[in-house]
Amino acid sequence: VDGNTNTNHYHGSCMHSQGDKPNVWVHIDLCQPFSINSVVIHNRMDFGPERANPFNLHLGNSSDILLNPTLGGDLNFDLSQTPKTILVNGLTARYVGILLPGLTRTLQLCEVQVFNSNIPQGLNIAEGRTASTNYPLAGYGPEKIVDGNTNTNHYHGSCMHSQGDKPNVWVHIDLCQPFSINSVVIHNRMDFGPERANPFNLHLGNSSDILLNPTLGGDLNFDLSQTPKTILVNGLTARYVGILLPGLTRTLQLCEVQVF
């Protein structure tokens, strides 16, 4: 899943399992269910392409590959060419799995590509993702900003809260893959202390270290009389969406972050 479709193992572009093992599999977690049009598999071609035959393609929403249905039973690669394209025709799945059934199998693939219908306009791609913070407070974790609940009253159980008065407090959301982002909508806590969030920085990029990703617009501020705040991003591509409160004694309390 690194984007490199070179089918020569010695060019460093292919995975290789341990040899001669039973029911060898690999699966890809798309992080959320997608309507899938096709799966394109690039087999290793410089040596042993026949090792991949036969294989099963499993698509579904279980992290256990064997619990997801197969498409087409035993499938085979054309040993004279790659890739192999399997049409899926809109089946919805989060996990894409490839299984080599049998007692002594060796899996060596160079790339698996999954093509889906365009993400619907207006879909919040942050909901249900993984959120992290550097100063978590038990019971008020960062998962609350990606749970789909935009209620801005902390006492309704819908908001995250960091430990108090800490330096450079941040939270970030891992979208699992880079997306072209149009806007970020942030729902501040409004029942108490909305001014605590001012100023803040918005970081977008592909590094899991929030501080290595560029900021948009420098210091930003919430209107303390209303929420949410919408920041237009205009198609910037990023995997990580981070919010940083710069300063020595800051407390972060947000209720939802939506990414469109």
C-alpha atoms as a PDB file:
ATOM      1  CA  VAL A   1       0.000   0.000   0.000  1.00  0.00           C
ATOM      2  CA  ASP A   2       2.996   2.323  -0.514  1.00  0.00           C
ATOM      3  CA  GLY A   3       1.970   3.382  -4.016  1.00  0.00           C
ATOM      4  CA  ASN A   4       4.887   1.588  -5.703  1.00  0.00           C
ATOM      5  CA  THR A   5       3.649  -0.915  -8.299  1.00  0.00           C
ATOM      6  CA  ASN A   6       7.084  -2.199  -9.352  1.00  0.00           C
ATOM      7  CA  THR A   7       6.778  -5.996  -9.494  1.00  0.00           C
ATOM      8  CA  ASN A   8      10.466  -6.804  -8.972  1.00  0.00           C
ATOM      9  CA  HIS A   9      11.031  -7.910  -5.391  1.00  0.00           C
ATOM     10  CA  TYR A  10      14.649  -6.770  -5.487  1.00  0.00           C
ATOM     11  CA  HIS A  11      13.617  -3.183  -6.105  1.00  0.00           C
ATOM     12  CA  GLY A  12      12.207  -3.077  -2.573  1.00  0.00           C
ATOM     13  CA  SER A  13       8.595  -2.694  -3.614  1.00  0.00           C
ATOM     14  CA  CYS A  14       7.060  -6.028  -2.572  1.00  0.00           C
ATOM     15  CA  MET A  15       5.927  -7.739   0.610  1.00  0.00           C
ATOM     16  CA  HIS A  16       7.018 -11.318   1.326  1.00  0.00           C
ATOM     17  CA  SER A  17       5.558 -13.615   3.964  1.00  0.00           C
ATOM     18  CA  GLN A  18       7.401 -16.378   5.757  1.00  0.00           C
ATOM     19  CA  GLY A  19       7.704 -19.389   3.461  1.00  0.00           C
ATOM     20  CA  ASP A  20       5.532 -22.488   3.303  1.00  0.00           C
ATOM     21  CA  LYS A  21       2.953 -21.520   5.926  1.00  0.00           C
ATOM     22  CA  PRO A  22      -0.740 -22.497   6.119  1.00  0.00           C
ATOM     23  CA  ASN A  23      -3.502 -20.147   4.957  1.00  0.00           C
ATOM     24  CA  VAL A  24      -1.309 -17.083   4.533  1.00  0.00           C
ATOM     25  CA  TRP A  25      -3.226 -13.820   4.346  1.00  0.00           C
ATOM     26  CA  VAL A  26      -2.823 -10.078   4.203  1.00  0.00           C
ATOM     27  CA  HIS A  27      -5.549  -7.523   4.713  1.00  0.00           C
ATOM     28  CA  ILE A  28      -5.921  -3.782   4.344  1.00  0.00           C
ATOM     29  CA  ASP A  29      -7.951  -1.677   6.769  1.00  0.00           C
ATOM     30  CA  LEU A  30      -9.591   1.204   4.894  1.00  0.00           C
ATOM     31  CA  CYS A  31     -10.571   2.698   8.291  1.00  0.00           C
ATOM     32  CA  GLN A  32     -14.228   2.940   7.347  1.00  0.00           C
ATOM     33  CA  PRO A  33     -16.568   1.158   4.926  1.00  0.00           C
ATOM     34  CA  PHE A  34     -16.346   2.303   1.319  1.00  0.00           C
ATOM     35  CA  SER A  35     -18.343   1.415  -1.764  1.00  0.00           C
ATOM     36  CA  ILE A  36     -15.676  -0.411  -3.770  1.00  0.00           C
ATOM     37  CA  ASN A  37     -15.672  -0.601  -7.544  1.00  0.00           C
ATOM     38  CA  SER A  38     -12.563  -2.712  -8.104  1.00  0.00           C
ATOM     39  CA  VAL A  39      -9.482  -4.231  -6.490  1.00  0.00           C
ATOM     40  CA  VAL A  40      -6.232  -4.289  -8.481  1.00  0.00           C
ATOM     41  CA  ILE A  41      -3.499  -6.678  -7.309  1.00  0.00           C
ATOM     42  CA  HIS A  42       0.114  -6.485  -8.503  1.00  0.00           C
ATOM     43  CA  ASN A  43       1.741  -9.901  -8.150  1.00  0.00           C
ATOM     44  CA  ARG A  44       5.499 -10.412  -7.876  1.00  0.00           C
ATOM     45  CA  MET A  45       6.750 -11.169 -11.397  1.00  0.00           C
ATOM     46  CA  ASP A  46      10.552 -11.563 -11.210  1.00  0.00           C
ATOM     47  CA  PHE A  47      10.320 -14.916  -9.411  1.00  0.00           C
ATOM     48  CA  GLY A  48       7.591 -17.362  -8.507  1.00  0.00           C
ATOM     49  CA  PRO A  49       4.429 -15.620  -9.719  1.00  0.00           C
ATOM     50  CA  GLU A  50       2.705 -19.015  -9.608  1.00  0.00           C
ATOM     51  CA  ARG A  51       3.020 -18.992  -5.815  1.00  0.00           C
ATOM     52  CA  ALA A  52      -0.005 -16.691  -5.637  1.00  0.00           C
ATOM     53  CA  ASN A  53      -2.330 -19.195  -7.351  1.00  0.00           C
ATOM     54  CA  PRO A  54      -4.977 -19.844  -6.268  1.00  0.00           C
ATOM     55  CA  PHE A  55      -6.016 -17.000  -3.985  1.00  0.00           C
ATOM     56  CA  ASN A  56      -9.237 -15.824  -2.388  1.00  0.00           C
ATOM     57  CA  LEU A  57     -10.401 -12.219  -2.138  1.00  0.00           C
ATOM     58  CA  HIS A  58     -12.346 -11.410   1.035  1.00  0.00           C
ATOM     59  CA  LEU A  59     -14.279  -8.149   1.412  1.00  0.00           C
ATOM     60  CA  GLY A  60     -16.304  -7.085   4.427  1.00  0.00           C
ATOM     61  CA  ASN A  61     -16.451  -5.209   7.709  1.00  0.00           C
ATOM     62  CA  SER A  62     -14.860  -7.769  10.036  1.00  0.00           C
ATOM     63  CA  SER A  63     -11.204  -7.463  11.041  1.00  0.00           C
ATOM     64  CA  ASP A  64     -11.124 -11.286  10.895  1.00  0.00           C
ATOM     65  CA  ILE A  65     -10.520 -11.940   7.202  1.00  0.00           C
ATOM     66  CA  LEU A  66     -12.134 -15.384   7.324  1.00  0.00           C
ATOM     67  CA  LEU A  67     -15.438 -13.921   8.523  1.00  0.00           C
ATOM     68  CA  ASN A  68     -15.773 -11.773   5.406  1.00  0.00           C
ATOM     69  CA  PRO A  69     -17.278 -13.273   2.239  1.00  0.00           C
ATOM     70  CA  THR A  70     -15.136 -14.283  -0.718  1.00  0.00           C
ATOM     71  CA  LEU A  71     -15.656 -12.969  -4.221  1.00  0.00           C
ATOM     72  CA  GLY A  72     -15.513 -15.568  -6.961  1.00  0.00           C
ATOM     73  CA  GLY A  73     -14.053 -18.467  -4.993  1.00  0.00           C
ATOM     74  CA  ASP A  74     -10.542 -19.508  -6.037  1.00  0.00           C
ATOM     75  CA  LEU A  75      -8.980 -16.845  -8.268  1.00  0.00           C
ATOM     76  CA  ASN A  76      -5.789 -17.044 -10.324  1.00  0.00           C
ATOM     77  CA  PHE A  77      -3.252 -14.634 -11.738  1.00  0.00           C
ATOM     78  CA  ASP A  78      -2.227 -14.717 -15.388  1.00  0.00           C
ATOM     79  CA  LEU A  79       1.430 -15.660 -14.892  1.00  0.00           C
ATOM     80  CA  SER A  80       2.518 -13.761 -17.996  1.00  0.00           C
ATOM     81  CA  GLN A  81       1.226 -10.379 -16.902  1.00  0.00           C
ATOM     82  CA  THR A  82       0.189  -8.235 -13.979  1.00  0.00           C
ATOM     83  CA  PRO A  83      -1.876  -6.634 -12.478  1.00  0.00           C
ATOM     84  CA  LYS A  84      -5.097  -8.549 -11.987  1.00  0.00           C
ATOM     85  CA  THR A  85      -8.273  -6.494 -11.699  1.00  0.00           C
ATOM     86  CA  ILE A  86     -11.279  -7.860  -9.828  1.00  0.00           C
ATOM     87  CA  LEU A  87     -14.531  -5.972 -10.359  1.00  0.00           C
ATOM     88  CA  VAL A  88     -16.526  -5.589  -7.164  1.00  0.00           C
ATOM     89  CA  ASN A  89     -19.395  -3.412  -8.428  1.00  0.00           C
ATOM     90  CA  GLY A  90     -20.087  -1.262  -5.405  1.00  0.00           C
ATOM     91  CA  LEU A  91     -19.811  -3.763  -2.565  1.00  0.00           C
ATOM     92  CA  THR A  92     -19.345  -1.914   0.726  1.00  0.00           C
ATOM     93  CA  ALA A  93     -16.401  -3.004   2.857  1.00  0.00           C
ATOM     94  CA  ARG A  94     -13.837  -1.712   5.321  1.00  0.00           C
ATOM     95  CA  TYR A  95     -11.399  -4.629   5.046  1.00  0.00           C
ATOM     96  CA  VAL A  96      -9.855  -5.998   1.851  1.00  0.00           C
ATOM     97  CA  GLY A  97      -8.215  -9.372   2.421  1.00  0.00           C
ATOM     98  CA  ILE A  98      -6.200 -11.738   0.231  1.00  0.00           C
ATOM     99  CA  LEU A  99      -5.878 -15.341   1.396  1.00  0.00           C
ATOM    100  CA  LEU A 100      -3.727 -18.139  -0.015  1.00  0.00           C
ATOM    101  CA  PRO A 101      -5.618 -21.284   1.017  1.00  0.00           C
ATOM    102  CA  GLY A 102      -3.566 -24.383   1.688  1.00  0.00           C
ATOM    103  CA  LEU A 103      -0.956 -25.850   4.005  1.00  0.00           C
ATOM    104  CA  THR A 104       2.313 -24.653   2.418  1.00  0.00           C
ATOM    105  CA  ARG A 105       1.856 -21.231   0.867  1.00  0.00           C
ATOM    106  CA  THR A 106       4.083 -18.179   0.403  1.00  0.00           C
ATOM    107  CA  LEU A 107       2.602 -14.730  -0.216  1.00  0.00           C
ATOM    108  CA  GLN A 108       4.551 -12.174  -2.234  1.00  0.00           C
ATOM    109  CA  LEU A 109       2.642  -9.186  -3.556  1.00  0.00           C
ATOM    110  CA  CYS A 110       3.884  -5.794  -4.701  1.00  0.00           C
ATOM    111  CA  GLU A 111       0.815  -3.565  -4.453  1.00  0.00           C
ATOM    112  CA  VAL A 112      -2.905  -3.762  -3.781  1.00  0.00           C
ATOM    113  CA  GLN A 113      -5.043  -0.881  -5.015  1.00  0.00           C
ATOM    114  CA  VAL A 114      -8.657  -0.331  -4.031  1.00  0.00           C
ATOM    115  CA  PHE A 115     -10.827   1.974  -6.100  1.00  0.00           C
ATOM    116  CA  ASN A 116     -14.058   3.381  -4.791  1.00  0.00           C
ATOM    117  CA  SER A 117     -16.774   5.776  -5.808  1.00  0.00           C
ATOM    118  CA  ASN A 118     -16.047   9.389  -4.983  1.00  0.00           C
ATOM    119  CA  ILE A 119     -16.560  10.335  -1.346  1.00  0.00           C
ATOM    120  CA  PRO A 120     -19.962  12.025  -1.140  1.00  0.00           C
ATOM    121  CA  GLN A 121     -19.858  15.796  -0.827  1.00  0.00           C
ATOM    122  CA  GLY A 122     -20.579  16.862   2.729  1.00  0.00           C
ATOM    123  CA  LEU A 123     -19.293  13.664   4.359  1.00  0.00           C
ATOM    124  CA  ASN A 124     -17.420  14.267   7.617  1.00  0.00           C
ATOM    125  CA  ILE A 125     -14.318  12.120   7.117  1.00  0.00           C
ATOM    126  CA  ALA A 126     -13.111  12.645  10.704  1.00  0.00           C
ATOM    127  CA  GLU A 127     -15.996  10.865  12.415  1.00  0.00           C
ATOM    128  CA  GLY A 128     -14.935   7.551  13.891  1.00  0.00           C
ATOM    129  CA  ARG A 129     -11.237   8.111  13.241  1.00  0.00           C
ATOM    130  CA  THR A 130      -8.460   7.885  15.824  1.00  0.00           C
ATOM    131  CA  ALA A 131      -7.758  11.042  17.840  1.00  0.00           C
ATOM    132  CA  SER A 132      -4.793  11.561  20.183  1.00  0.00           C
ATOM    133  CA  THR A 133      -3.695  14.226  22.657  1.00  0.00           C
ATOM    134  CA  ASN A 134      -0.512  14.839  24.618  1.00  0.00           C
ATOM    135  CA  TYR A 135      -2.274  15.527  27.943  1.00  0.00           C
ATOM    136  CA  PRO A 136      -5.281  13.180  28.184  1.00  0.00           C
ATOM    137  CA  LEU A 137      -7.669  13.429  31.121  1.00  0.00           C
ATOM    138  CA  ALA A 138      -9.349  10.187  32.185  1.00  0.00           C
ATOM    139  CA  GLY A 139     -13.002  10.083  31.183  1.00  0.00           C
ATOM    140  CA  TYR A 140     -12.717  13.013  28.775  1.00  0.00           C
ATOM    141  CA  GLY A 141     -10.534  11.539  26.052  1.00  0.00           C
ATOM    142  CA  PRO A 142      -9.912  12.816  22.519  1.00  0.00           C
ATOM    143  CA  GLU A 143     -12.242  10.204  21.030  1.00  0.00           C
ATOM    144  CA  LYS A 144     -15.088  12.553  22.000  1.00  0.00           C
ATOM    145  CA  ILE A 145     -14.160  15.016  19.244  1.00  0.00           C
ATOM    146  CA  VAL A 146     -14.739  12.382  16.546  1.00  0.00           C
ATOM    147  CA  ASP A 147     -17.874  10.673  17.910  1.00  0.00           C
ATOM    148  CA  GLY A 148     -20.342  12.651  15.790  1.00  0.00           C
ATOM    149  CA  ASN A 149     -21.852  14.481  18.784  1.00  0.00           C
ATOM    150  CA  THR A 150     -21.627  18.268  18.351  1.00  0.00           C
ATOM    151  CA  ASN A 151     -23.257  19.180  21.674  1.00  0.00           C
ATOM    152  CA  THR A 152     -21.085  21.934  23.176  1.00  0.00           C
ATOM    153  CA  ASN A 153     -22.041  21.379  26.813  1.00  0.00           C
ATOM    154  CA  HIS A 154     -19.254  19.503  28.575  1.00  0.00           C
ATOM    155  CA  TYR A 155     -21.668  18.059  31.122  1.00  0.00           C
ATOM    156  CA  HIS A 156     -23.596  16.259  28.408  1.00  0.00           C
ATOM    157  CA  GLY A 157     -20.578  13.994  27.922  1.00  0.00           C
ATOM    158  CA  SER A 158     -19.794  15.177  24.428  1.00  0.00           C
ATOM    159  CA  CYS A 159     -16.484  17.034  24.895  1.00  0.00           C
ATOM    160  CA  MET A 160     -12.833  16.188  25.392  1.00  0.00           C
ATOM    161  CA  HIS A 161     -10.866  17.904  28.155  1.00  0.00           C
ATOM    162  CA  SER A 162      -7.104  17.918  28.548  1.00  0.00           C
ATOM    163  CA  GLN A 163      -5.228  18.089  31.807  1.00  0.00           C
ATOM    164  CA  GLY A 164      -5.220  21.699  33.016  1.00  0.00           C
ATOM    165  CA  ASP A 165      -2.560  24.368  32.585  1.00  0.00           C
ATOM    166  CA  LYS A 166      -0.102  22.398  30.447  1.00  0.00           C
ATOM    167  CA  PRO A 167       2.348  23.683  27.811  1.00  0.00           C
ATOM    168  CA  ASN A 168       1.544  23.490  24.100  1.00  0.00           C
ATOM    169  CA  VAL A 169      -1.479  21.242  24.428  1.00  0.00           C
ATOM    170  CA  TRP A 170      -2.540  19.542  21.213  1.00  0.00           C
ATOM    171  CA  VAL A 171      -4.981  17.052  19.781  1.00  0.00           C
ATOM    172  CA  HIS A 172      -4.787  15.473  16.368  1.00  0.00           C
ATOM    173  CA  ILE A 173      -6.948  13.254  14.206  1.00  0.00           C
ATOM    174  CA  ASP A 174      -5.525  10.524  11.991  1.00  0.00           C
ATOM    175  CA  LEU A 175      -7.664  10.257   8.853  1.00  0.00           C
ATOM    176  CA  CYS A 176      -5.827   7.002   8.059  1.00  0.00           C
ATOM    177  CA  GLN A 177      -4.849   8.213   4.591  1.00  0.00           C
ATOM    178  CA  PRO A 178      -4.354  11.575   2.879  1.00  0.00           C
ATOM    179  CA  PHE A 179      -7.527  13.342   1.754  1.00  0.00           C
ATOM    180  CA  SER A 180      -8.102  16.526  -0.193  1.00  0.00           C
ATOM    181  CA  ILE A 181      -9.685  18.688   2.502  1.00  0.00           C
ATOM    182  CA  ASN A 182     -12.065  21.570   1.812  1.00  0.00           C
ATOM    183  CA  SER A 183     -12.777  22.742   5.356  1.00  0.00           C
ATOM    184  CA  VAL A 184     -12.315  21.987   9.050  1.00  0.00           C
ATOM    185  CA  VAL A 185     -15.175  22.761  11.440  1.00  0.00           C
ATOM    186  CA  ILE A 186     -14.346  22.999  15.154  1.00  0.00           C
ATOM    187  CA  HIS A 187     -16.977  22.961  17.903  1.00  0.00           C
ATOM    188  CA  ASN A 188     -15.602  24.694  20.994  1.00  0.00           C
ATOM    189  CA  ARG A 189     -16.920  24.072  24.494  1.00  0.00           C
ATOM    190  CA  MET A 190     -19.480  26.806  25.202  1.00  0.00           C
ATOM    191  CA  ASP A 191     -20.947  26.163  28.670  1.00  0.00           C
ATOM    192  CA  PHE A 192     -17.740  27.234  30.442  1.00  0.00           C
ATOM    193  CA  GLY A 193     -14.449  28.818  29.460  1.00  0.00           C
ATOM    194  CA  PRO A 194     -14.731  29.137  25.674  1.00  0.00           C
ATOM    195  CA  GLU A 195     -11.916  31.710  25.830  1.00  0.00           C
ATOM    196  CA  ARG A 196      -9.518  28.950  26.873  1.00  0.00           C
ATOM    197  CA  ALA A 197      -9.238  27.880  23.236  1.00  0.00           C
ATOM    198  CA  ASN A 198      -7.883  31.270  22.082  1.00  0.00           C
ATOM    199  CA  PRO A 199      -5.522  31.482  20.339  1.00  0.00           C
ATOM    200  CA  PHE A 200      -5.079  28.149  18.587  1.00  0.00           C
ATOM    201  CA  ASN A 201      -3.135  26.869  15.594  1.00  0.00           C
ATOM    202  CA  LEU A 202      -4.448  24.480  12.946  1.00  0.00           C
ATOM    203  CA  HIS A 203      -1.843  22.063  11.563  1.00  0.00           C
ATOM    204  CA  LEU A 204      -2.503  19.967   8.449  1.00  0.00           C
ATOM    205  CA  GLY A 205      -0.092  17.522   6.844  1.00  0.00           C
ATOM    206  CA  ASN A 206       1.124  13.956   6.534  1.00  0.00           C
ATOM    207  CA  SER A 207       3.370  13.731   9.607  1.00  0.00           C
ATOM    208  CA  SER A 208       2.130  12.086  12.803  1.00  0.00           C
ATOM    209  CA  ASP A 209       4.144  14.763  14.648  1.00  0.00           C
ATOM    210  CA  ILE A 210       1.735  17.699  14.691  1.00  0.00           C
ATOM    211  CA  LEU A 211       4.523  20.272  14.963  1.00  0.00           C
ATOM    212  CA  LEU A 212       6.103  19.087  11.702  1.00  0.00           C
ATOM    213  CA  ASN A 213       2.959  19.918   9.733  1.00  0.00           C
ATOM    214  CA  PRO A 214       2.387  23.464   8.464  1.00  0.00           C
ATOM    215  CA  THR A 215      -0.057  25.808  10.161  1.00  0.00           C
ATOM    216  CA  LEU A 216      -2.909  27.511   8.360  1.00  0.00           C
ATOM    217  CA  GLY A 217      -3.386  31.175   9.138  1.00  0.00           C
ATOM    218  CA  GLY A 218      -1.113  31.462  12.177  1.00  0.00           C
ATOM    219  CA  ASP A 219      -2.904  32.203  15.453  1.00  0.00           C
ATOM    220  CA  LEU A 220      -6.657  31.673  15.085  1.00  0.00           C
ATOM    221  CA  ASN A 221      -9.459  32.618  17.482  1.00  0.00           C
ATOM    222  CA  PHE A 222     -12.985  31.474  18.216  1.00  0.00           C
ATOM    223  CA  ASP A 223     -15.891  33.887  18.365  1.00  0.00           C
ATOM    224  CA  LEU A 224     -16.776  33.433  22.035  1.00  0.00           C
ATOM    225  CA  SER A 225     -20.463  34.106  21.415  1.00  0.00           C
ATOM    226  CA  GLN A 226     -21.012  31.301  18.920  1.00  0.00           C
ATOM    227  CA  THR A 227     -19.757  27.977  17.636  1.00  0.00           C
ATOM    228  CA  PRO A 228     -18.648  26.259  15.432  1.00  0.00           C
ATOM    229  CA  LYS A 229     -15.703  27.877  13.698  1.00  0.00           C
ATOM    230  CA  THR A 230     -15.137  26.929  10.060  1.00  0.00           C
ATOM    231  CA  ILE A 231     -11.655  27.154   8.535  1.00  0.00           C
ATOM    232  CA  LEU A 232     -11.510  26.917   4.736  1.00  0.00           C
ATOM    233  CA  VAL A 233      -8.617  24.783   3.518  1.00  0.00           C
ATOM    234  CA  ASN A 234      -9.341  24.770  -0.230  1.00  0.00           C
ATOM    235  CA  GLY A 235      -8.224  21.294  -1.221  1.00  0.00           C
ATOM    236  CA  LEU A 236      -5.025  20.905   0.789  1.00  0.00           C
ATOM    237  CA  THR A 237      -4.076  17.224   1.029  1.00  0.00           C
ATOM    238  CA  ALA A 238      -3.424  15.872   4.524  1.00  0.00           C
ATOM    239  CA  ARG A 239      -3.713  12.755   6.638  1.00  0.00           C
ATOM    240  CA  TYR A 240      -3.398  14.448  10.031  1.00  0.00           C
ATOM    241  CA  VAL A 241      -5.520  17.332  11.322  1.00  0.00           C
ATOM    242  CA  GLY A 242      -4.019  18.891  14.432  1.00  0.00           C
ATOM    243  CA  ILE A 243      -5.102  21.651  16.817  1.00  0.00           C
ATOM    244  CA  LEU A 244      -2.445  23.199  19.039  1.00  0.00           C
ATOM    245  CA  LEU A 245      -2.844  25.652  21.913  1.00  0.00           C
ATOM    246  CA  PRO A 246       0.511  27.443  21.987  1.00  0.00           C
ATOM    247  CA  GLY A 247       1.734  28.664  25.364  1.00  0.00           C
ATOM    248  CA  LEU A 248       2.884  27.480  28.769  1.00  0.00           C
ATOM    249  CA  THR A 249      -0.401  27.122  30.679  1.00  0.00           C
ATOM    250  CA  ARG A 250      -3.173  26.002  28.355  1.00  0.00           C
ATOM    251  CA  THR A 251      -6.258  23.804  28.712  1.00  0.00           C
ATOM    252  CA  LEU A 252      -7.922  22.222  25.683  1.00  0.00           C
ATOM    253  CA  GLN A 253     -11.645  21.502  25.715  1.00  0.00           C
ATOM    254  CA  LEU A 254     -13.315  20.798  22.396  1.00  0.00           C
ATOM    255  CA  CYS A 255     -16.571  19.025  21.612  1.00  0.00           C
ATOM    256  CA  GLU A 256     -16.203  17.980  17.966  1.00  0.00           C
ATOM    257  CA  VAL A 257     -13.884  18.411  15.010  1.00  0.00           C
ATOM    258  CA  GLN A 258     -15.346  17.777  11.567  1.00  0.00           C
ATOM    259  CA  VAL A 259     -13.311  17.481   8.383  1.00  0.00           C
ATOM    260  CA  PHE A 260     -14.951  17.903   4.979  1.00  0.00           C
END
